[in-house]
C-alpha atoms as a PDB file:
ATOM      1  CA  MET A   1      82.484 121.136  96.902  1.00  0.00           C
ATOM      2  CA  GLY A   2      84.813 123.898  95.790  1.00  0.00           C
ATOM      3  CA  THR A   3      83.378 126.316  98.357  1.00  0.00           C
ATOM      4  CA  LEU A   4      83.993 123.807 101.123  1.00  0.00           C
ATOM      5  CA  ILE A   5      87.593 123.260  99.994  1.00  0.00           C
ATOM      6  CA  PHE A   6      88.317 126.980  99.753  1.00  0.00           C
ATOM      7  CA  SER A   7      86.783 127.738 103.154  1.00  0.00           C
ATOM      8  CA  ALA A   8      88.765 124.874 104.736  1.00  0.00           C
ATOM      9  CA  THR A   9      91.902 126.258 103.089  1.00  0.00           C
ATOM     10  CA  ALA A  10      91.158 129.747 104.430  1.00  0.00           C
ATOM     11  CA  ILE A  11      90.669 128.348 107.938  1.00  0.00           C
ATOM     12  CA  LEU A  12      93.928 126.427 107.710  1.00  0.00           C
ATOM     13  CA  VAL A  13      95.762 129.555 106.536  1.00  0.00           C
ATOM     14  CA  VAL A  14      94.335 131.681 109.349  1.00  0.00           C
ATOM     15  CA  MET A  15      95.192 129.030 111.935  1.00  0.00           C
ATOM     16  CA  GLY A  16      98.583 128.557 110.294  1.00  0.00           C
ATOM     17  CA  PHE A  17      99.986 131.883 111.464  1.00  0.00           C
ATOM     18  CA  SER A  18     101.203 130.127 114.599  1.00  0.00           C
ATOM     19  CA  ASN A  19     101.759 126.658 113.112  1.00  0.00           C
ATOM     20  CA  HIS A  20     103.442 126.330 109.737  1.00  0.00           C
ATOM     21  CA  THR A  21     102.355 122.729 109.215  1.00  0.00           C
ATOM     22  CA  LEU A  22      98.814 124.026 108.765  1.00  0.00           C
ATOM     23  CA  TRP A  23     100.081 126.107 105.843  1.00  0.00           C
ATOM     24  CA  LEU A  24     101.477 122.921 104.363  1.00  0.00           C
ATOM     25  CA  ALA A  25      98.124 121.180 104.929  1.00  0.00           C
ATOM     26  CA  ALA A  26      96.349 124.037 103.111  1.00  0.00           C
ATOM     27  CA  ILE A  27      98.724 123.762 100.155  1.00  0.00           C
ATOM     28  CA  VAL A  28      98.269 119.983 100.000  1.00  0.00           C
ATOM     29  CA  LEU A  29      94.483 120.400 100.172  1.00  0.00           C
ATOM     30  CA  LEU A  30      94.498 122.859  97.275  1.00  0.00           C
ATOM     31  CA  PHE A  31      96.837 120.657  95.259  1.00  0.00           C
ATOM     32  CA  LEU A  32      94.617 117.606  95.735  1.00  0.00           C
ATOM     33  CA  TYR A  33      91.540 119.633  94.798  1.00  0.00           C
ATOM     34  CA  VAL A  34      93.127 120.948  91.620  1.00  0.00           C
ATOM     35  CA  ARG A  35      94.575 117.550  90.708  1.00  0.00           C
ATOM     36  CA  TYR A  36      91.634 115.248  91.481  1.00  0.00           C
ATOM     37  CA  GLY A  37      88.639 117.225  92.700  1.00  0.00           C
ATOM     38  CA  ARG A  38      87.493 119.282  89.730  1.00  0.00           C
ATOM     39  CA  THR A  39      85.082 117.313  87.552  1.00  0.00           C
ATOM     40  CA  GLY A  40      83.074 119.951  85.739  1.00  0.00           C
ATOM     41  CA  GLY A  41      83.819 121.654  82.446  1.00  0.00           C
ATOM     42  CA  SER A  42      87.317 120.463  81.625  1.00  0.00           C
ATOM     43  CA  ALA A  43      86.349 116.947  80.498  1.00  0.00           C
ATOM     44  CA  SER A  44      83.756 118.175  78.002  1.00  0.00           C
ATOM     45  CA  ALA A  45      86.045 120.900  76.693  1.00  0.00           C
ATOM     46  CA  ALA A  46      88.675 118.314  75.769  1.00  0.00           C
ATOM     47  CA  GLY A  47      86.498 116.753  73.082  1.00  0.00           C
ATOM     48  CA  SER A  48      86.032 118.267  69.669  1.00  0.00           C
ATOM     49  CA  PRO A  49      83.184 120.798  69.503  1.00  0.00           C
ATOM     50  CA  GLY A  50      81.367 119.041  66.668  1.00  0.00           C
ATOM     51  CA  SER A  51      81.435 115.568  68.206  1.00  0.00           C
ATOM     52  CA  ALA A  52      78.261 115.861  70.274  1.00  0.00           C
ATOM     53  CA  THR A  53      74.865 116.269  68.679  1.00  0.00           C
ATOM     54  CA  PRO A  54      73.019 119.510  69.437  1.00  0.00           C
ATOM     55  CA  GLY A  55      71.050 119.345  72.652  1.00  0.00           C
ATOM     56  CA  SER A  56      72.893 116.296  73.966  1.00  0.00           C
ATOM     57  CA  GLY A  57      74.727 118.279  76.652  1.00  0.00           C
ATOM     58  CA  ALA A  58      78.151 117.838  78.183  1.00  0.00           C
ATOM     59  CA  ALA A  59      77.395 114.340  79.492  1.00  0.00           C
ATOM     60  CA  ALA A  60      77.444 112.894  75.977  1.00  0.00           C
ATOM     61  CA  GLY A  61      80.878 114.404  75.354  1.00  0.00           C
ATOM     62  CA  ARG A  62      82.212 112.860  78.553  1.00  0.00           C
ATOM     63  CA  THR A  63      80.721 109.493  77.626  1.00  0.00           C
ATOM     64  CA  ASP A  64      82.365 109.630  74.206  1.00  0.00           C
ATOM     65  CA  ASN A  65      85.714 110.504  75.774  1.00  0.00           C
ATOM     66  CA  ASN A  66      85.376 107.752  78.382  1.00  0.00           C
ATOM     67  CA  TYR A  67      84.537 105.147  75.747  1.00  0.00           C
ATOM     68  CA  ARG A  68      87.369 106.324  73.524  1.00  0.00           C
ATOM     69  CA  ALA A  69      89.779 106.051  76.453  1.00  0.00           C
ATOM     70  CA  TYR A  70      88.420 102.573  77.222  1.00  0.00           C
ATOM     71  CA  ARG A  71      88.918 101.478  73.605  1.00  0.00           C
ATOM     72  CA  ASP A  72      92.447 102.861  73.599  1.00  0.00           C
ATOM     73  CA  ARG A  73      93.291 100.975  76.803  1.00  0.00           C
ATOM     74  CA  ARG A  74      91.705  97.768  75.474  1.00  0.00           C
ATOM     75  CA  ASP A  75      93.585  98.003  72.163  1.00  0.00           C
ATOM     76  CA  ARG A  76      96.869  98.770  73.931  1.00  0.00           C
ATOM     77  CA  GLN A  77      96.386  95.731  76.184  1.00  0.00           C
ATOM     78  CA  ALA A  78      95.592  93.494  73.188  1.00  0.00           C
ATOM     79  CA  ARG A  79      98.713  94.706  71.353  1.00  0.00           C
ATOM     80  CA  TRP A  80     100.817  94.033  74.440  1.00  0.00           C
ATOM     81  CA  GLU A  81      99.388  90.513  74.786  1.00  0.00           C
ATOM     82  CA  ARG A  82     100.048  89.720  71.113  1.00  0.00           C
ATOM     83  CA  ARG A  83     103.602  91.014  71.435  1.00  0.00           C
ATOM     84  CA  TYR A  84     104.139  88.975  74.593  1.00  0.00           C
ATOM     85  CA  ARG A  85     102.910  85.799  72.867  1.00  0.00           C
ATOM     86  CA  ARG A  86     105.122  86.485  69.854  1.00  0.00           C
ATOM     87  CA  GLU A  87     108.272  87.268  71.849  1.00  0.00           C
ATOM     88  CA  ARG A  88     107.878  84.559  74.525  1.00  0.00           C
ATOM     89  CA  PRO A  89     106.377  81.474  72.891  1.00  0.00           C
ATOM     90  CA  LEU A  90     107.616  79.049  75.567  1.00  0.00           C
ATOM     91  CA  GLN A  91     106.035  80.966  78.425  1.00  0.00           C
ATOM     92  CA  THR A  92     102.836  81.335  76.429  1.00  0.00           C
ATOM     93  CA  ARG A  93     102.592  77.581  75.801  1.00  0.00           C
ATOM     94  CA  ARG A  94     103.321  76.873  79.462  1.00  0.00           C
ATOM     95  CA  GLN A  95     100.537  79.263  80.544  1.00  0.00           C
ATOM     96  CA  GLU A  96      98.093  77.700  78.093  1.00  0.00           C
ATOM     97  CA  ARG A  97      98.921  74.207  79.424  1.00  0.00           C
ATOM     98  CA  GLN A  98      98.349  75.382  82.993  1.00  0.00           C
ATOM     99  CA  LYS A  99      94.938  76.785  82.025  1.00  0.00           C
ATOM    100  CA  GLN A 100      93.921  73.467  80.478  1.00  0.00           C
ATOM    101  CA  GLU A 101      94.867  71.411  83.555  1.00  0.00           C
END
């Protein structure tokens, strides 16, 4: 994938000597690749080195990080919902009545 992106960028740069919008397209392509396209290595390096068992590979580290992120999102959503119910009791009762009907 990276080779394809870099060769497309090189082609856009070479063609861009006469058209500057192709230079812009090459920069955007590289930015998108760096921002969203790289999936190897960096996700497993973010976890602590002792978290995965020996021989489990990088996939186990990514799974742990994904589950931890899921738990964090779930807990954050639950806290927000509790706060909403506490701060807006009338709206909460109205929503509960609508669900029952």
